[in-house]
Amino acid sequence: MRVALFAAARARAGKSVLEVELPDGATVEALLKAVTAQVPSLASLSMRVAVNQEFAQARDVIPSGAEIALIPPVAGG
């Protein structure tokens, strides 16, 4: 599963995309665990998960082929 990273998440990971292996029927919570196992520095970052361009909750199931993005808080001016 391809996971796009934005802002501080991209900076901490040192790349804009992660590849994560998850079984069918995996939840957003499982995705976050897999991502932080791969990039431990992301564990301390508060992030929202977008699935197919809509914010998702921890227990939401990720559909096969979904577009996934991790979006940390962003400050602007």
C-alpha atoms as a PDB file:
ATOM      1  CA  MET A   1       0.000   0.000   0.000  1.00  0.00           C
ATOM      2  CA  ARG A   2       1.379   3.367  -1.010  1.00  0.00           C
ATOM      3  CA  VAL A   3       1.186   6.078   1.687  1.00  0.00           C
ATOM      4  CA  ALA A   4       1.858   9.734   0.794  1.00  0.00           C
ATOM      5  CA  LEU A   5       3.557  11.842   3.465  1.00  0.00           C
ATOM      6  CA  PHE A   6       3.185  15.594   3.818  1.00  0.00           C
ATOM      7  CA  ALA A   7       4.915  18.427   5.721  1.00  0.00           C
ATOM      8  CA  ALA A   8       6.641  17.295   8.961  1.00  0.00           C
ATOM      9  CA  ALA A   9       5.861  13.618   8.256  1.00  0.00           C
ATOM     10  CA  ARG A  10       7.755  13.855   4.961  1.00  0.00           C
ATOM     11  CA  ALA A  11      10.647  15.673   6.666  1.00  0.00           C
ATOM     12  CA  ARG A  12      10.944  13.085   9.444  1.00  0.00           C
ATOM     13  CA  ALA A  13      10.749  10.128   7.075  1.00  0.00           C
ATOM     14  CA  GLY A  14      13.145  11.686   4.564  1.00  0.00           C
ATOM     15  CA  LYS A  15      10.826  10.744   1.701  1.00  0.00           C
ATOM     16  CA  SER A  16       7.388  11.620   0.375  1.00  0.00           C
ATOM     17  CA  VAL A  17       6.030   8.077  -0.039  1.00  0.00           C
ATOM     18  CA  LEU A  18       6.176   4.901   2.049  1.00  0.00           C
ATOM     19  CA  GLU A  19       5.255   1.401   0.933  1.00  0.00           C
ATOM     20  CA  VAL A  20       3.419  -0.503   3.668  1.00  0.00           C
ATOM     21  CA  GLU A  21       2.264  -4.137   3.611  1.00  0.00           C
ATOM     22  CA  LEU A  22      -1.187  -4.645   5.151  1.00  0.00           C
ATOM     23  CA  PRO A  23      -3.729  -7.461   4.835  1.00  0.00           C
ATOM     24  CA  ASP A  24      -7.135  -6.913   3.240  1.00  0.00           C
ATOM     25  CA  GLY A  25      -9.543  -5.395   5.727  1.00  0.00           C
ATOM     26  CA  ALA A  26      -6.833  -3.508   7.625  1.00  0.00           C
ATOM     27  CA  THR A  27      -7.887  -0.468   9.629  1.00  0.00           C
ATOM     28  CA  VAL A  28      -6.429   3.015   9.805  1.00  0.00           C
ATOM     29  CA  GLU A  29      -5.088   2.108  13.252  1.00  0.00           C
ATOM     30  CA  ALA A  30      -3.199  -0.871  11.767  1.00  0.00           C
ATOM     31  CA  LEU A  31      -1.824   1.386   9.055  1.00  0.00           C
ATOM     32  CA  LEU A  32      -0.478   3.856  11.621  1.00  0.00           C
ATOM     33  CA  LYS A  33       1.165   1.027  13.579  1.00  0.00           C
ATOM     34  CA  ALA A  34       2.840  -0.261  10.411  1.00  0.00           C
ATOM     35  CA  VAL A  35       4.003   3.209   9.422  1.00  0.00           C
ATOM     36  CA  THR A  36       5.485   3.983  12.838  1.00  0.00           C
ATOM     37  CA  ALA A  37       7.187   0.571  12.935  1.00  0.00           C
ATOM     38  CA  GLN A  38       8.859   1.486   9.643  1.00  0.00           C
ATOM     39  CA  VAL A  39       9.643   5.107  10.643  1.00  0.00           C
ATOM     40  CA  PRO A  40       9.707   5.322  14.467  1.00  0.00           C
ATOM     41  CA  SER A  41      10.202   9.103  14.456  1.00  0.00           C
ATOM     42  CA  LEU A  42       6.628   9.472  13.172  1.00  0.00           C
ATOM     43  CA  ALA A  43       5.191   7.972  16.390  1.00  0.00           C
ATOM     44  CA  SER A  44       5.460  11.260  18.276  1.00  0.00           C
ATOM     45  CA  LEU A  45       3.839  13.272  15.479  1.00  0.00           C
ATOM     46  CA  SER A  46       0.100  13.911  15.622  1.00  0.00           C
ATOM     47  CA  MET A  47      -1.241  13.015  12.174  1.00  0.00           C
ATOM     48  CA  ARG A  48      -4.578  12.761  10.412  1.00  0.00           C
ATOM     49  CA  VAL A  49      -5.067   9.973   7.913  1.00  0.00           C
ATOM     50  CA  ALA A  50      -6.884  10.657   4.678  1.00  0.00           C
ATOM     51  CA  VAL A  51      -8.354   7.724   2.758  1.00  0.00           C
ATOM     52  CA  ASN A  52      -9.445   8.582  -0.760  1.00  0.00           C
ATOM     53  CA  GLN A  53      -9.170  12.295   0.072  1.00  0.00           C
ATOM     54  CA  GLU A  54     -11.410  12.148   3.160  1.00  0.00           C
ATOM     55  CA  PHE A  55     -10.255  12.134   6.777  1.00  0.00           C
ATOM     56  CA  ALA A  56     -10.640   8.700   8.356  1.00  0.00           C
ATOM     57  CA  GLN A  57     -11.011   7.430  11.913  1.00  0.00           C
ATOM     58  CA  ALA A  58      -8.853   4.771  13.605  1.00  0.00           C
ATOM     59  CA  ARG A  59     -11.403   1.960  13.180  1.00  0.00           C
ATOM     60  CA  ASP A  60     -12.221   2.684   9.545  1.00  0.00           C
ATOM     61  CA  VAL A  61     -11.313  -0.134   7.156  1.00  0.00           C
ATOM     62  CA  ILE A  62      -9.043   0.860   4.289  1.00  0.00           C
ATOM     63  CA  PRO A  63     -10.481  -0.308   0.954  1.00  0.00           C
ATOM     64  CA  SER A  64      -8.255  -2.119  -1.511  1.00  0.00           C
ATOM     65  CA  GLY A  65      -6.488   0.307  -3.840  1.00  0.00           C
ATOM     66  CA  ALA A  66      -7.256   3.340  -1.671  1.00  0.00           C
ATOM     67  CA  GLU A  67      -5.276   6.553  -1.891  1.00  0.00           C
ATOM     68  CA  ILE A  68      -3.717   7.114   1.553  1.00  0.00           C
ATOM     69  CA  ALA A  69      -2.117  10.286   2.928  1.00  0.00           C
ATOM     70  CA  LEU A  70      -0.658  11.161   6.324  1.00  0.00           C
ATOM     71  CA  ILE A  71      -1.192  14.804   7.151  1.00  0.00           C
ATOM     72  CA  PRO A  72       0.364  16.350  10.261  1.00  0.00           C
ATOM     73  CA  PRO A  73      -0.800  19.682  11.683  1.00  0.00           C
ATOM     74  CA  VAL A  74       0.328  22.513   9.447  1.00  0.00           C
ATOM     75  CA  ALA A  75       0.924  26.126  10.421  1.00  0.00           C
ATOM     76  CA  GLY A  76       0.581  28.880   7.898  1.00  0.00           C
ATOM     77  CA  GLY A  77       0.455  32.574   7.751  1.00  0.00           C
END
